[in-house]
N, C-alpha and C. Protein backbone atom coordinates (compact mmCIF):
# COMPACT_ATOMS: atom_id res chain seq x y z
N UNK A 1 -43.61 -0.18 -22.63
CA UNK A 1 -44.44 0.90 -23.10
C UNK A 1 -45.76 0.33 -23.60
N UNK A 2 -46.76 1.14 -23.60
CA UNK A 2 -48.08 0.71 -24.06
C UNK A 2 -48.47 1.51 -25.29
N UNK A 3 -48.77 0.81 -26.36
CA UNK A 3 -49.22 1.46 -27.58
C UNK A 3 -50.51 0.78 -27.98
N UNK A 4 -51.55 1.54 -28.20
CA UNK A 4 -52.85 0.96 -28.54
C UNK A 4 -52.99 0.78 -30.04
N UNK A 5 -53.41 -0.39 -30.43
CA UNK A 5 -53.78 -0.65 -31.82
C UNK A 5 -55.06 -1.47 -31.73
N UNK A 6 -56.04 -1.13 -32.52
CA UNK A 6 -57.36 -1.74 -32.38
C UNK A 6 -57.32 -3.25 -32.66
N UNK A 7 -57.97 -4.01 -31.77
CA UNK A 7 -58.16 -5.45 -31.96
C UNK A 7 -56.87 -6.21 -32.28
N UNK A 8 -56.02 -6.37 -31.28
CA UNK A 8 -54.78 -7.13 -31.45
C UNK A 8 -55.14 -8.55 -31.87
N UNK A 9 -54.58 -9.02 -32.98
CA UNK A 9 -54.87 -10.35 -33.49
C UNK A 9 -53.80 -11.36 -33.12
N UNK A 10 -52.54 -10.90 -33.00
CA UNK A 10 -51.47 -11.83 -32.67
C UNK A 10 -50.28 -11.09 -32.08
N UNK A 11 -49.47 -11.83 -31.34
CA UNK A 11 -48.22 -11.30 -30.78
C UNK A 11 -47.15 -12.36 -30.99
N UNK A 12 -46.02 -11.96 -31.56
CA UNK A 12 -44.92 -12.89 -31.78
C UNK A 12 -43.62 -12.29 -31.25
N UNK A 13 -42.63 -13.16 -31.02
CA UNK A 13 -41.31 -12.72 -30.59
C UNK A 13 -40.28 -13.42 -31.46
N UNK A 14 -39.41 -12.63 -32.11
CA UNK A 14 -38.37 -13.20 -32.95
C UNK A 14 -37.24 -12.19 -33.08
N UNK A 15 -36.00 -12.65 -32.97
CA UNK A 15 -34.82 -11.80 -33.14
C UNK A 15 -34.87 -10.53 -32.29
N UNK A 16 -35.14 -10.68 -30.99
CA UNK A 16 -35.20 -9.55 -30.05
C UNK A 16 -36.26 -8.53 -30.42
N UNK A 17 -37.37 -8.97 -31.03
CA UNK A 17 -38.43 -8.05 -31.43
C UNK A 17 -39.80 -8.67 -31.16
N UNK A 18 -40.62 -7.94 -30.39
CA UNK A 18 -42.02 -8.30 -30.19
C UNK A 18 -42.81 -7.64 -31.31
N UNK A 19 -43.75 -8.38 -31.92
CA UNK A 19 -44.59 -7.83 -32.98
C UNK A 19 -46.05 -8.05 -32.61
N UNK A 20 -46.81 -6.96 -32.59
CA UNK A 20 -48.24 -7.00 -32.28
C UNK A 20 -49.00 -6.64 -33.54
N UNK A 21 -49.73 -7.62 -34.10
CA UNK A 21 -50.49 -7.41 -35.34
C UNK A 21 -51.95 -7.14 -34.99
N UNK A 22 -52.50 -6.09 -35.58
CA UNK A 22 -53.90 -5.73 -35.34
C UNK A 22 -54.55 -5.19 -36.59
N UNK A 23 -55.76 -4.69 -36.45
CA UNK A 23 -56.54 -4.19 -37.57
C UNK A 23 -55.82 -3.05 -38.29
N UNK A 24 -55.19 -2.16 -37.54
CA UNK A 24 -54.57 -0.97 -38.14
C UNK A 24 -53.16 -1.16 -38.64
N UNK A 25 -52.56 -2.31 -38.38
CA UNK A 25 -51.19 -2.54 -38.82
C UNK A 25 -50.42 -3.35 -37.80
N UNK A 26 -49.11 -3.16 -37.77
CA UNK A 26 -48.24 -3.91 -36.88
C UNK A 26 -47.39 -2.94 -36.08
N UNK A 27 -47.26 -3.20 -34.79
CA UNK A 27 -46.35 -2.44 -33.93
C UNK A 27 -45.24 -3.39 -33.52
N UNK A 28 -44.00 -2.99 -33.77
CA UNK A 28 -42.83 -3.78 -33.37
C UNK A 28 -42.16 -3.07 -32.21
N UNK A 29 -41.77 -3.83 -31.20
CA UNK A 29 -40.97 -3.30 -30.09
C UNK A 29 -39.66 -4.08 -30.11
N UNK A 30 -38.59 -3.42 -30.53
CA UNK A 30 -37.28 -4.06 -30.64
C UNK A 30 -36.50 -3.83 -29.35
N UNK A 31 -35.97 -4.93 -28.79
CA UNK A 31 -35.16 -4.84 -27.57
C UNK A 31 -33.71 -4.59 -27.98
N UNK A 32 -33.23 -3.37 -27.74
CA UNK A 32 -31.86 -3.01 -28.11
C UNK A 32 -30.87 -3.43 -27.04
N UNK A 33 -31.30 -3.36 -25.78
CA UNK A 33 -30.48 -3.79 -24.65
C UNK A 33 -31.43 -4.01 -23.48
N UNK A 34 -30.90 -4.30 -22.30
CA UNK A 34 -31.76 -4.52 -21.13
C UNK A 34 -32.50 -3.25 -20.72
N UNK A 35 -32.01 -2.09 -21.12
CA UNK A 35 -32.63 -0.83 -20.70
C UNK A 35 -33.11 0.03 -21.87
N UNK A 36 -33.03 -0.48 -23.09
CA UNK A 36 -33.36 0.33 -24.25
C UNK A 36 -34.24 -0.45 -25.24
N UNK A 37 -35.33 0.21 -25.69
CA UNK A 37 -36.21 -0.39 -26.69
C UNK A 37 -36.48 0.63 -27.79
N UNK A 38 -36.91 0.15 -28.96
CA UNK A 38 -37.25 1.04 -30.07
C UNK A 38 -38.59 0.59 -30.67
N UNK A 39 -39.46 1.55 -30.96
CA UNK A 39 -40.75 1.27 -31.58
C UNK A 39 -40.62 1.40 -33.09
N UNK A 40 -41.26 0.48 -33.80
CA UNK A 40 -41.35 0.53 -35.26
C UNK A 40 -42.82 0.27 -35.61
N UNK A 41 -43.34 0.99 -36.58
CA UNK A 41 -44.76 0.87 -36.95
C UNK A 41 -44.90 0.52 -38.42
N UNK A 42 -45.86 -0.33 -38.72
CA UNK A 42 -46.25 -0.62 -40.10
C UNK A 42 -47.77 -0.45 -40.15
N UNK A 43 -48.23 0.61 -40.82
CA UNK A 43 -49.66 0.86 -40.90
C UNK A 43 -50.25 0.15 -42.10
N UNK A 44 -51.46 -0.37 -41.94
CA UNK A 44 -52.14 -1.01 -43.06
C UNK A 44 -52.53 0.05 -44.08
N UNK A 45 -52.67 -0.35 -45.33
CA UNK A 45 -53.06 0.57 -46.40
C UNK A 45 -54.41 1.20 -46.09
N UNK A 46 -55.34 0.44 -45.52
CA UNK A 46 -56.67 0.97 -45.19
C UNK A 46 -56.58 2.13 -44.21
N UNK A 47 -55.71 2.02 -43.20
CA UNK A 47 -55.55 3.09 -42.21
C UNK A 47 -54.94 4.32 -42.87
N UNK A 48 -53.92 4.13 -43.68
CA UNK A 48 -53.26 5.27 -44.33
C UNK A 48 -54.20 5.95 -45.32
N UNK A 49 -55.01 5.17 -46.05
CA UNK A 49 -55.92 5.73 -47.05
C UNK A 49 -57.12 6.44 -46.42
N UNK A 50 -57.49 6.06 -45.20
CA UNK A 50 -58.69 6.61 -44.59
C UNK A 50 -58.51 8.05 -44.13
N UNK A 51 -57.25 8.47 -43.91
CA UNK A 51 -56.98 9.82 -43.44
C UNK A 51 -57.31 10.00 -41.97
N UNK A 52 -57.58 8.91 -41.25
CA UNK A 52 -57.87 9.01 -39.82
C UNK A 52 -56.64 9.48 -39.06
N UNK A 53 -56.86 10.28 -38.03
CA UNK A 53 -55.76 10.74 -37.19
C UNK A 53 -55.22 9.54 -36.41
N UNK A 54 -53.91 9.37 -36.41
CA UNK A 54 -53.28 8.26 -35.69
C UNK A 54 -52.55 8.82 -34.48
N UNK A 55 -52.98 8.42 -33.30
CA UNK A 55 -52.31 8.88 -32.09
C UNK A 55 -51.99 7.68 -31.22
N UNK A 56 -50.87 7.74 -30.53
CA UNK A 56 -50.41 6.63 -29.71
C UNK A 56 -50.12 7.14 -28.30
N UNK A 57 -50.69 6.46 -27.31
CA UNK A 57 -50.42 6.78 -25.91
C UNK A 57 -49.35 5.82 -25.42
N UNK A 58 -48.24 6.37 -24.97
CA UNK A 58 -47.13 5.53 -24.54
C UNK A 58 -46.89 5.70 -23.05
N UNK A 59 -46.86 4.60 -22.35
CA UNK A 59 -46.62 4.59 -20.92
C UNK A 59 -45.59 3.52 -20.63
N UNK A 60 -44.57 3.86 -19.86
CA UNK A 60 -43.53 2.88 -19.51
C UNK A 60 -44.18 1.71 -18.78
N UNK A 61 -43.84 0.51 -19.18
CA UNK A 61 -44.40 -0.69 -18.58
C UNK A 61 -43.29 -1.73 -18.49
N UNK A 62 -43.45 -2.69 -17.63
CA UNK A 62 -42.42 -3.72 -17.45
C UNK A 62 -42.50 -4.72 -18.60
N UNK A 63 -41.36 -4.94 -19.23
CA UNK A 63 -41.29 -5.92 -20.31
C UNK A 63 -41.10 -7.30 -19.69
N UNK A 64 -41.63 -8.35 -20.30
CA UNK A 64 -41.42 -9.71 -19.78
C UNK A 64 -39.94 -10.04 -19.77
N UNK A 65 -39.49 -10.79 -18.77
CA UNK A 65 -38.08 -11.13 -18.67
C UNK A 65 -37.69 -12.24 -19.64
N UNK A 66 -38.68 -13.00 -20.12
CA UNK A 66 -38.42 -14.07 -21.08
C UNK A 66 -39.28 -13.85 -22.32
N UNK A 67 -38.80 -14.33 -23.47
CA UNK A 67 -39.61 -14.19 -24.68
C UNK A 67 -40.95 -14.92 -24.54
N UNK A 68 -41.97 -14.33 -25.12
CA UNK A 68 -43.29 -14.96 -25.16
C UNK A 68 -43.32 -15.87 -26.38
N UNK A 69 -43.65 -17.15 -26.21
CA UNK A 69 -43.64 -18.07 -27.36
C UNK A 69 -44.65 -17.64 -28.42
N UNK A 70 -44.29 -17.84 -29.67
CA UNK A 70 -45.20 -17.53 -30.78
C UNK A 70 -46.37 -18.49 -30.76
N UNK A 71 -47.52 -17.98 -31.18
CA UNK A 71 -48.71 -18.85 -31.25
C UNK A 71 -48.82 -19.48 -32.60
């Protein structure tokens, strides 16, 4: 799936979970099984305090078959 978060700063993989950290917070994609994933969001205080509308465009996409090494 594709979820936009402004200016992705880092991507890590740990415990069956990809984490994408950006200006607005963190998006976690947890791998539940080979065919099932779950999205988890952590918004930064600045985004929550600003009152900006938060919208996410989700499109099914192919997940990597192997974990991406942490930087």
